[in-house]
Amino acid sequence: MVLRWQLHCYERASEAAESNAGTTRQPECLELTCTCLKACKIVFRCGKFIREYRDGHSGGAHVSQAKASYILPLDGMRAIAILLVLVFHIEESFLPGGFIGVDVFFVISGFIITKNIELSVRENRFSFVDFYTKRIARLMPAVSVTVAATLIVASQIYGIERLKEFSVAGFYSIVPVSNIYFWLQSGYFDTVSQSNPFLHTWSLGVEEQFYLFWPLLLVAMKPRLLALLGGLVVVGMVFSLILADNHPSAAFFLTPARIFQFALGAGVAVLLTRHPALFAWDRHGSLAAAGIGMILLLSVFVNGNSSPFALSAVAPALAVSLVLCSMQGVTGRVLSAAPMRYIGLRAYSTYLVHWPVVVLVKMGLSGWPDASRIVLMLVLTWVLAEGLYRLVETPVRVTRRDSERAHRFK
């Protein structure tokens, strides 16, 4: 029902844009916006097909296995990551290194994806089709809604040249290759980039490009997986450090420079899957506490414009891997607390909406006092993230059988 309503909204918006394309003073921009809206329609049709496919192929055994492998403290780590990014983007001076929250997300992604694939392959239930449909359902509908809504609001604030730029960036966000687009345009910390409401989607491009080849690599290299991951961490880290010295923008935006972060998380996942008792000695979660402490210290003292890549990208990744090794004891309970889980479950939706809110509020309400704008940005981010999570992300991601089962056990 929700998907049908979303698709209807896109069709109406697209028809309205097309009908106005020849009569408004911004025909070229509207044409680009129409292209983005059509891409959104395609994404939602795919989402509808995926929902139907998963409804027909999801079973109770699969759901119970997924629940059994779910790690509650990871929601707490997602909460830490999104809060770092949110504070950094709303007011950089509050947390100069808050951008390392994205590095936290990369390591967590490598951990989760690898752990799930490793378990599925071991139990002979891994399916490439199922993996890719889940990834599409998890990521694409929500980002397409964000792009469409942002373009509609931006059309009331910006002139034609900026709207053209935003429409192109929005299209590449949906494809998704926005990390390559922004790399070719300028640096992340450049003034022009900072005013683009889709700049944050560069990290989604990196993640989705990682998802394309990672399952193939894991399945093909299963007998030598630990050796492969160790090599990727070492070689990838050295490659990234060299690239950062010579081409810092490429080291920031491009997927090959981030592979070592995914591989770090993946390595911990494989170690824990094959040797569950490896870190059993750390009953109180001391390693995790140390890792969280490192992340918080780095977020305060690292600076995106002046800190070396080793400090702004390598160190946070190593800190997250410490947390992943030992999410138990007191630290695990703190990360699993209800407030942390609430924020963590909405981390993706919050990440999608927060940057457009920040950019559009700062531009549209530039005359407001800073404190008032900060409060407004926080409130809007929470409201829109909650709406996106409930109306788009969850309905597409959760199958009908899951919904019926959840309702039955409420």
Protein backbone atom coordinates (compact mmCIF):
# COMPACT_ATOMS: atom_id res chain seq x y z
CA MET A 1 0.00 0.00 0.00
CA VAL A 2 2.76 2.44 0.94
CA LEU A 3 4.73 1.55 -2.18
CA ARG A 4 1.64 2.14 -4.35
CA TRP A 5 1.11 5.57 -2.77
CA GLN A 6 4.78 6.52 -3.23
CA LEU A 7 4.72 5.48 -6.88
CA HIS A 8 1.52 7.48 -7.45
CA CYS A 9 3.19 10.57 -5.94
CA TYR A 10 6.16 10.19 -8.25
CA GLU A 11 3.94 9.82 -11.30
CA ARG A 12 1.98 12.95 -10.39
CA ALA A 13 5.17 14.93 -9.70
CA SER A 14 6.75 13.77 -12.95
CA GLU A 15 3.63 14.63 -14.95
CA ALA A 16 3.47 18.08 -13.37
CA ALA A 17 7.14 18.74 -14.11
CA GLU A 18 6.75 17.59 -17.70
CA SER A 19 3.65 19.74 -18.25
CA ASN A 20 5.48 22.80 -16.92
CA ALA A 21 8.70 22.16 -18.81
CA GLY A 22 7.66 24.23 -21.78
CA THR A 23 6.06 27.10 -19.87
CA THR A 24 8.33 27.97 -16.97
CA ARG A 25 11.42 30.08 -17.00
CA GLN A 26 13.56 27.05 -16.09
CA PRO A 27 12.83 24.44 -18.80
CA GLU A 28 16.29 22.90 -18.84
CA CYS A 29 16.34 22.40 -15.09
CA LEU A 30 12.84 20.94 -15.13
CA GLU A 31 13.90 18.55 -17.84
CA LEU A 32 16.73 17.32 -15.64
CA THR A 33 14.36 17.10 -12.69
CA CYS A 34 11.97 15.03 -14.81
CA THR A 35 14.85 12.66 -15.58
CA CYS A 36 15.53 12.25 -11.85
CA LEU A 37 11.84 11.66 -11.14
CA LYS A 38 11.64 9.05 -13.88
CA ALA A 39 14.68 7.33 -12.37
CA CYS A 40 12.84 7.39 -9.02
CA LYS A 41 9.79 5.79 -10.65
CA ILE A 42 11.97 3.01 -12.04
CA VAL A 43 13.52 2.46 -8.61
CA PHE A 44 10.10 2.18 -6.98
CA ARG A 45 8.84 -0.22 -9.62
CA CYS A 46 11.91 -2.31 -8.88
CA GLY A 47 11.15 -1.97 -5.17
CA LYS A 48 7.61 -3.23 -5.75
CA PHE A 49 8.92 -6.21 -7.71
CA ILE A 50 11.49 -6.96 -4.99
CA ARG A 51 8.81 -6.80 -2.30
CA GLU A 52 6.67 -9.27 -4.24
CA TYR A 53 9.68 -11.52 -4.88
CA ARG A 54 10.66 -11.57 -1.22
CA ASP A 55 7.07 -12.15 -0.10
CA GLY A 56 7.03 -15.24 -2.30
CA HIS A 57 10.46 -16.55 -1.28
CA SER A 58 10.89 -15.63 2.39
CA GLY A 59 10.47 -18.45 4.86
CA GLY A 60 10.32 -18.89 8.60
CA ALA A 61 13.70 -20.62 8.79
CA HIS A 62 15.40 -17.75 7.01
CA VAL A 63 13.80 -15.19 9.33
CA SER A 64 14.78 -17.10 12.46
CA GLN A 65 18.37 -17.40 11.21
CA ALA A 66 18.50 -13.69 10.49
CA LYS A 67 17.22 -12.89 13.98
CA ALA A 68 19.71 -15.29 15.53
CA SER A 69 22.62 -13.59 13.76
CA TYR A 70 21.47 -10.04 14.60
CA ILE A 71 23.95 -8.22 16.85
CA LEU A 72 22.21 -5.58 18.97
CA PRO A 73 25.35 -3.53 19.88
CA LEU A 74 25.83 -2.75 16.17
CA ASP A 75 22.81 -0.48 16.38
CA GLY A 76 24.67 1.42 19.09
CA MET A 77 27.71 1.77 16.83
CA ARG A 78 25.48 3.06 14.03
CA ALA A 79 24.06 5.57 16.51
CA ILE A 80 27.54 6.83 17.40
CA ALA A 81 28.46 7.10 13.72
CA ILE A 82 25.37 9.06 12.66
CA LEU A 83 25.55 11.39 15.68
CA LEU A 84 29.17 12.23 14.84
CA VAL A 85 28.26 13.03 11.24
CA LEU A 86 25.14 14.98 12.21
CA VAL A 87 26.92 17.23 14.72
CA PHE A 88 29.82 17.80 12.31
CA HIS A 89 27.55 18.85 9.46
CA ILE A 90 25.28 21.07 11.55
CA GLU A 91 28.17 22.94 13.15
CA GLU A 92 31.69 21.82 12.29
CA SER A 93 33.30 23.75 15.15
CA PHE A 94 31.41 21.57 17.67
CA LEU A 95 33.09 18.38 16.43
CA PRO A 96 35.81 19.02 13.81
CA GLY A 97 36.44 15.32 13.20
CA GLY A 98 32.84 14.17 13.17
CA PHE A 99 33.18 13.17 9.51
CA ILE A 100 34.93 9.98 10.66
CA GLY A 101 31.45 8.64 11.34
CA VAL A 102 31.43 7.66 7.66
CA ASP A 103 34.57 5.55 8.22
CA VAL A 104 32.73 3.85 11.08
CA PHE A 105 29.88 2.99 8.70
CA PHE A 106 32.29 1.49 6.15
CA VAL A 107 33.90 -0.86 8.65
CA ILE A 108 30.52 -1.90 10.06
CA SER A 109 29.25 -2.62 6.54
CA GLY A 110 32.23 -4.83 5.80
CA PHE A 111 31.60 -6.70 9.06
CA ILE A 112 27.86 -7.24 8.59
CA ILE A 113 27.90 -8.17 4.90
CA THR A 114 30.80 -10.60 5.31
CA LYS A 115 29.34 -12.21 8.44
CA ASN A 116 25.98 -12.79 6.75
CA ILE A 117 27.55 -14.19 3.58
CA GLU A 118 29.94 -16.42 5.55
CA LEU A 119 27.07 -17.91 7.56
CA SER A 120 24.84 -18.31 4.51
CA VAL A 121 27.56 -20.08 2.50
CA ARG A 122 28.34 -22.38 5.43
CA GLU A 123 24.66 -23.38 5.67
CA ASN A 124 24.28 -23.72 1.87
CA ARG A 125 21.57 -21.10 1.65
CA PHE A 126 23.45 -18.21 0.01
CA SER A 127 21.85 -16.75 -3.12
CA PHE A 128 23.31 -13.95 -5.22
CA VAL A 129 19.81 -12.96 -6.35
CA ASP A 130 18.59 -12.74 -2.77
CA PHE A 131 21.65 -10.74 -1.72
CA TYR A 132 21.33 -8.13 -4.46
CA THR A 133 17.55 -7.77 -4.12
CA LYS A 134 17.98 -7.14 -0.40
CA ARG A 135 20.62 -4.50 -1.04
CA ILE A 136 18.45 -2.73 -3.60
CA ALA A 137 15.43 -2.83 -1.31
CA ARG A 138 17.53 -1.59 1.60
CA LEU A 139 19.12 1.39 -0.14
CA MET A 140 17.50 2.58 -3.34
CA PRO A 141 13.87 3.54 -2.53
CA ALA A 142 14.84 5.78 0.40
CA VAL A 143 17.53 7.62 -1.54
CA SER A 144 15.20 8.16 -4.50
CA VAL A 145 12.57 9.74 -2.21
CA THR A 146 15.23 11.99 -0.70
CA VAL A 147 16.46 13.12 -4.11
CA ALA A 148 12.98 13.91 -5.42
CA ALA A 149 11.88 15.80 -2.29
CA THR A 150 15.14 17.76 -2.13
CA LEU A 151 14.88 18.89 -5.76
CA ILE A 152 11.32 20.09 -5.21
CA VAL A 153 12.32 22.20 -2.18
CA ALA A 154 15.54 23.44 -3.81
CA SER A 155 13.58 24.73 -6.82
CA GLN A 156 12.03 27.33 -4.49
CA ILE A 157 15.40 28.57 -3.23
CA TYR A 158 18.07 28.35 -5.93
CA GLY A 159 18.55 29.72 -9.42
CA ILE A 160 18.70 27.71 -12.62
CA GLU A 161 22.45 27.05 -12.71
CA ARG A 162 22.60 25.54 -9.23
CA LEU A 163 19.41 23.56 -9.88
CA LYS A 164 20.99 22.07 -13.00
CA GLU A 165 23.99 21.04 -10.90
CA PHE A 166 21.77 19.56 -8.18
CA SER A 167 19.65 17.64 -10.71
CA VAL A 168 22.75 16.03 -12.23
CA ALA A 169 24.13 15.18 -8.78
CA GLY A 170 20.75 13.76 -7.77
CA PHE A 171 20.68 11.53 -10.83
CA TYR A 172 24.15 10.18 -10.08
CA SER A 173 23.08 9.61 -6.47
CA ILE A 174 20.37 7.23 -7.67
CA VAL A 175 22.56 5.42 -10.25
CA PRO A 176 24.76 5.36 -7.88
CA VAL A 177 28.12 6.83 -8.86
CA SER A 178 27.97 10.18 -7.06
CA ASN A 179 31.35 9.56 -5.44
CA ILE A 180 32.95 9.52 -8.89
CA TYR A 181 30.92 12.58 -9.93
CA PHE A 182 32.03 14.63 -6.92
CA TRP A 183 35.62 13.46 -7.30
CA LEU A 184 35.63 14.82 -10.85
CA GLN A 185 33.99 18.07 -9.76
CA SER A 186 35.92 19.19 -6.67
CA GLY A 187 37.02 18.21 -3.17
CA TYR A 188 34.67 17.32 -0.32
CA PHE A 189 35.68 20.27 1.85
CA ASP A 190 35.51 22.83 -1.00
CA THR A 191 32.95 25.62 -0.56
CA VAL A 192 31.06 24.77 -3.75
CA SER A 193 30.72 21.09 -2.79
CA GLN A 194 29.56 22.00 0.71
CA SER A 195 26.51 23.77 -0.74
CA ASN A 196 25.36 20.74 -2.78
CA PRO A 197 22.51 18.93 -0.98
CA PHE A 198 23.58 15.57 -2.45
CA LEU A 199 27.26 15.72 -1.49
CA HIS A 200 26.73 13.18 1.30
CA THR A 201 25.61 10.51 -1.18
CA TRP A 202 29.25 9.95 -2.18
CA SER A 203 29.51 7.41 0.66
CA LEU A 204 26.44 5.55 -0.62
CA GLY A 205 28.15 5.28 -3.99
CA VAL A 206 31.21 3.75 -2.33
CA GLU A 207 29.09 1.25 -0.36
CA GLU A 208 26.99 0.15 -3.32
CA GLN A 209 30.04 -0.29 -5.54
CA PHE A 210 31.54 -2.41 -2.77
CA TYR A 211 28.37 -4.55 -2.68
CA LEU A 212 28.65 -5.26 -6.42
CA PHE A 213 31.85 -7.29 -6.28
CA TRP A 214 32.27 -8.30 -2.63
CA PRO A 215 29.96 -11.37 -2.58
CA LEU A 216 31.61 -12.72 -5.74
CA LEU A 217 35.03 -12.31 -4.15
CA LEU A 218 34.03 -13.95 -0.85
CA VAL A 219 32.42 -16.97 -2.48
CA ALA A 220 35.26 -17.47 -4.99
CA MET A 221 38.01 -17.13 -2.38
CA LYS A 222 36.34 -18.97 0.51
CA PRO A 223 39.21 -21.46 1.13
CA ARG A 224 41.76 -18.61 1.36
CA LEU A 225 39.48 -15.91 2.69
CA LEU A 226 41.48 -14.87 5.76
CA ALA A 227 44.68 -14.56 3.72
CA LEU A 228 42.83 -12.53 1.12
CA LEU A 229 41.34 -10.17 3.69
CA GLY A 230 44.69 -9.70 5.43
CA GLY A 231 46.28 -8.84 2.09
CA LEU A 232 43.50 -6.40 1.24
CA VAL A 233 43.91 -4.64 4.57
CA VAL A 234 47.69 -4.25 4.28
CA VAL A 235 47.92 -3.51 0.55
CA GLY A 236 44.78 -1.36 0.60
CA MET A 237 46.05 0.68 3.52
CA VAL A 238 49.43 1.31 1.88
CA PHE A 239 47.76 2.16 -1.43
CA SER A 240 45.39 4.61 0.28
CA LEU A 241 48.17 6.35 2.18
CA ILE A 242 50.21 6.80 -1.01
CA LEU A 243 47.15 7.98 -2.93
CA ALA A 244 46.25 10.45 -0.17
CA ASP A 245 49.69 12.06 -0.44
CA ASN A 246 49.44 12.51 -4.21
CA HIS A 247 45.70 12.68 -4.95
CA PRO A 248 43.84 13.46 -1.70
CA SER A 249 40.45 13.91 -3.38
CA ALA A 250 40.69 10.48 -5.04
CA ALA A 251 41.69 8.90 -1.71
CA PHE A 252 38.60 10.43 -0.11
CA PHE A 253 35.98 9.64 -2.76
CA LEU A 254 36.96 6.49 -4.62
CA THR A 255 36.08 2.95 -3.61
CA PRO A 256 39.56 1.36 -4.06
CA ALA A 257 40.94 3.74 -1.43
CA ARG A 258 38.27 2.58 1.04
CA ILE A 259 38.56 -1.17 0.50
CA PHE A 260 40.89 -1.61 3.48
CA GLN A 261 38.13 -0.29 5.79
CA PHE A 262 35.57 -2.79 4.51
CA ALA A 263 38.23 -5.52 4.65
CA LEU A 264 39.04 -4.71 8.29
CA GLY A 265 35.42 -5.23 9.28
CA ALA A 266 35.24 -8.33 7.10
CA GLY A 267 38.36 -9.80 8.70
CA VAL A 268 36.90 -9.42 12.19
CA ALA A 269 33.65 -11.03 11.00
CA VAL A 270 35.44 -14.08 9.57
CA LEU A 271 37.61 -14.47 12.66
CA LEU A 272 34.60 -14.36 14.99
CA THR A 273 32.55 -16.68 12.79
CA ARG A 274 35.28 -19.31 12.59
CA HIS A 275 36.67 -18.79 16.11
CA PRO A 276 33.77 -17.57 18.32
CA ALA A 277 35.79 -17.84 21.53
CA LEU A 278 38.76 -15.83 20.24
CA PHE A 279 37.96 -12.76 22.34
CA ALA A 280 36.02 -14.51 25.10
CA TRP A 281 38.69 -13.41 27.58
CA ASP A 282 37.46 -9.81 27.29
CA ARG A 283 34.30 -10.39 29.32
CA HIS A 284 33.78 -6.70 30.14
CA GLY A 285 34.21 -5.39 26.59
CA SER A 286 37.43 -3.50 27.36
CA LEU A 287 38.57 -3.60 23.72
CA ALA A 288 35.26 -2.13 22.61
CA ALA A 289 35.45 0.60 25.25
CA ALA A 290 38.98 1.48 24.12
CA GLY A 291 37.84 1.59 20.50
CA ILE A 292 34.91 3.88 21.29
CA GLY A 293 37.21 6.12 23.30
CA MET A 294 39.57 6.37 20.32
CA ILE A 295 36.69 7.23 17.99
CA LEU A 296 35.47 10.01 20.27
CA LEU A 297 38.97 11.45 20.74
CA LEU A 298 39.58 11.43 16.99
CA SER A 299 36.25 13.15 16.35
CA VAL A 300 37.35 16.00 18.60
CA PHE A 301 40.97 16.45 17.49
CA VAL A 302 41.01 15.42 13.81
CA ASN A 303 40.51 18.11 11.18
CA GLY A 304 39.42 17.35 7.63
CA ASN A 305 41.51 20.10 6.06
CA SER A 306 44.80 19.50 7.85
CA SER A 307 44.93 16.05 9.45
CA PRO A 308 46.82 13.31 7.56
CA PHE A 309 44.86 10.43 6.01
CA ALA A 310 46.40 8.02 8.51
CA LEU A 311 44.73 9.93 11.33
CA SER A 312 41.44 10.78 9.61
CA ALA A 313 40.71 7.41 7.93
CA VAL A 314 43.09 4.64 9.03
CA ALA A 315 42.96 5.30 12.79
CA PRO A 316 39.12 5.39 12.96
CA ALA A 317 38.92 2.12 11.02
CA LEU A 318 41.31 0.42 13.43
CA ALA A 319 39.33 1.78 16.38
CA VAL A 320 36.06 0.38 14.99
CA SER A 321 37.66 -3.03 14.44
CA LEU A 322 38.55 -3.08 18.16
CA VAL A 323 34.90 -2.46 19.01
CA LEU A 324 33.73 -5.23 16.70
CA CYS A 325 36.08 -7.71 18.34
CA SER A 326 34.46 -7.46 21.75
CA MET A 327 30.88 -6.11 21.86
CA GLN A 328 30.06 -7.69 25.20
CA GLY A 329 29.95 -6.94 28.92
CA VAL A 330 29.15 -3.42 30.08
CA THR A 331 30.12 -1.88 26.76
CA GLY A 332 27.82 -4.21 24.87
CA ARG A 333 24.92 -3.39 27.19
CA VAL A 334 25.44 0.34 26.72
CA LEU A 335 25.53 -0.03 22.93
CA SER A 336 22.36 -2.17 23.09
CA ALA A 337 20.42 0.31 25.23
CA ALA A 338 17.02 1.37 23.88
CA PRO A 339 17.98 4.99 23.02
CA MET A 340 21.07 3.83 21.12
CA ARG A 341 19.05 1.23 19.22
CA TYR A 342 16.37 3.79 18.36
CA ILE A 343 18.92 6.12 16.79
CA GLY A 344 20.90 3.30 15.19
CA LEU A 345 17.89 1.73 13.48
CA ARG A 346 17.18 5.10 11.86
CA ALA A 347 20.79 5.85 11.00
CA TYR A 348 20.38 5.34 7.25
CA SER A 349 17.26 7.51 6.99
CA THR A 350 18.89 10.15 9.20
CA TYR A 351 21.99 10.15 7.06
CA LEU A 352 19.94 10.62 3.88
CA VAL A 353 17.86 13.56 5.07
CA HIS A 354 20.24 15.44 7.34
CA TRP A 355 22.52 17.00 4.74
CA PRO A 356 19.78 18.34 2.45
CA VAL A 357 18.15 19.82 5.57
CA VAL A 358 21.42 21.48 6.62
CA VAL A 359 22.15 22.91 3.16
CA LEU A 360 18.62 24.14 2.43
CA VAL A 361 18.04 25.64 5.88
CA LYS A 362 21.37 27.47 5.85
CA MET A 363 20.65 28.86 2.38
CA GLY A 364 16.93 29.56 2.72
CA LEU A 365 17.07 30.97 6.26
CA SER A 366 20.46 32.67 6.21
CA GLY A 367 19.09 35.63 8.17
CA TRP A 368 18.04 33.52 11.17
CA PRO A 369 20.17 33.41 14.35
CA ASP A 370 22.55 30.44 14.39
CA ALA A 371 20.95 28.88 17.48
CA SER A 372 17.47 28.96 15.91
CA ARG A 373 18.74 27.38 12.70
CA ILE A 374 20.51 24.61 14.62
CA VAL A 375 17.34 23.77 16.55
CA LEU A 376 15.30 23.80 13.33
CA MET A 377 17.82 21.56 11.54
CA LEU A 378 17.75 19.03 14.39
CA VAL A 379 13.94 18.96 14.55
CA LEU A 380 13.50 18.70 10.78
CA THR A 381 16.12 15.96 10.56
CA TRP A 382 14.41 13.91 13.25
CA VAL A 383 10.89 14.34 11.79
CA LEU A 384 11.94 13.59 8.21
CA ALA A 385 14.16 10.66 9.21
CA GLU A 386 11.33 9.13 11.24
CA GLY A 387 8.96 9.53 8.32
CA LEU A 388 11.42 8.08 5.82
CA TYR A 389 12.16 5.15 8.12
CA ARG A 390 8.51 4.28 8.72
CA LEU A 391 6.98 5.08 5.33
CA VAL A 392 9.72 4.08 2.90
CA GLU A 393 12.68 2.20 4.36
CA THR A 394 10.82 -0.29 6.56
CA PRO A 395 7.88 -1.16 4.23
CA VAL A 396 10.23 -1.99 1.35
CA ARG A 397 12.82 -3.79 3.46
CA VAL A 398 10.46 -5.93 5.55
CA THR A 399 8.48 -8.63 3.75
CA ARG A 400 4.76 -9.15 4.27
CA ARG A 401 5.45 -12.39 6.14
CA ASP A 402 7.83 -10.56 8.47
CA SER A 403 5.15 -7.91 9.12
CA GLU A 404 2.47 -10.51 9.87
CA ARG A 405 4.84 -12.40 12.15
CA ALA A 406 5.87 -9.21 13.99
CA HIS A 407 2.21 -8.25 14.45
CA ARG A 408 1.40 -11.71 15.77
CA PHE A 409 4.13 -11.58 18.41
CA LYS A 410 3.62 -7.98 19.52
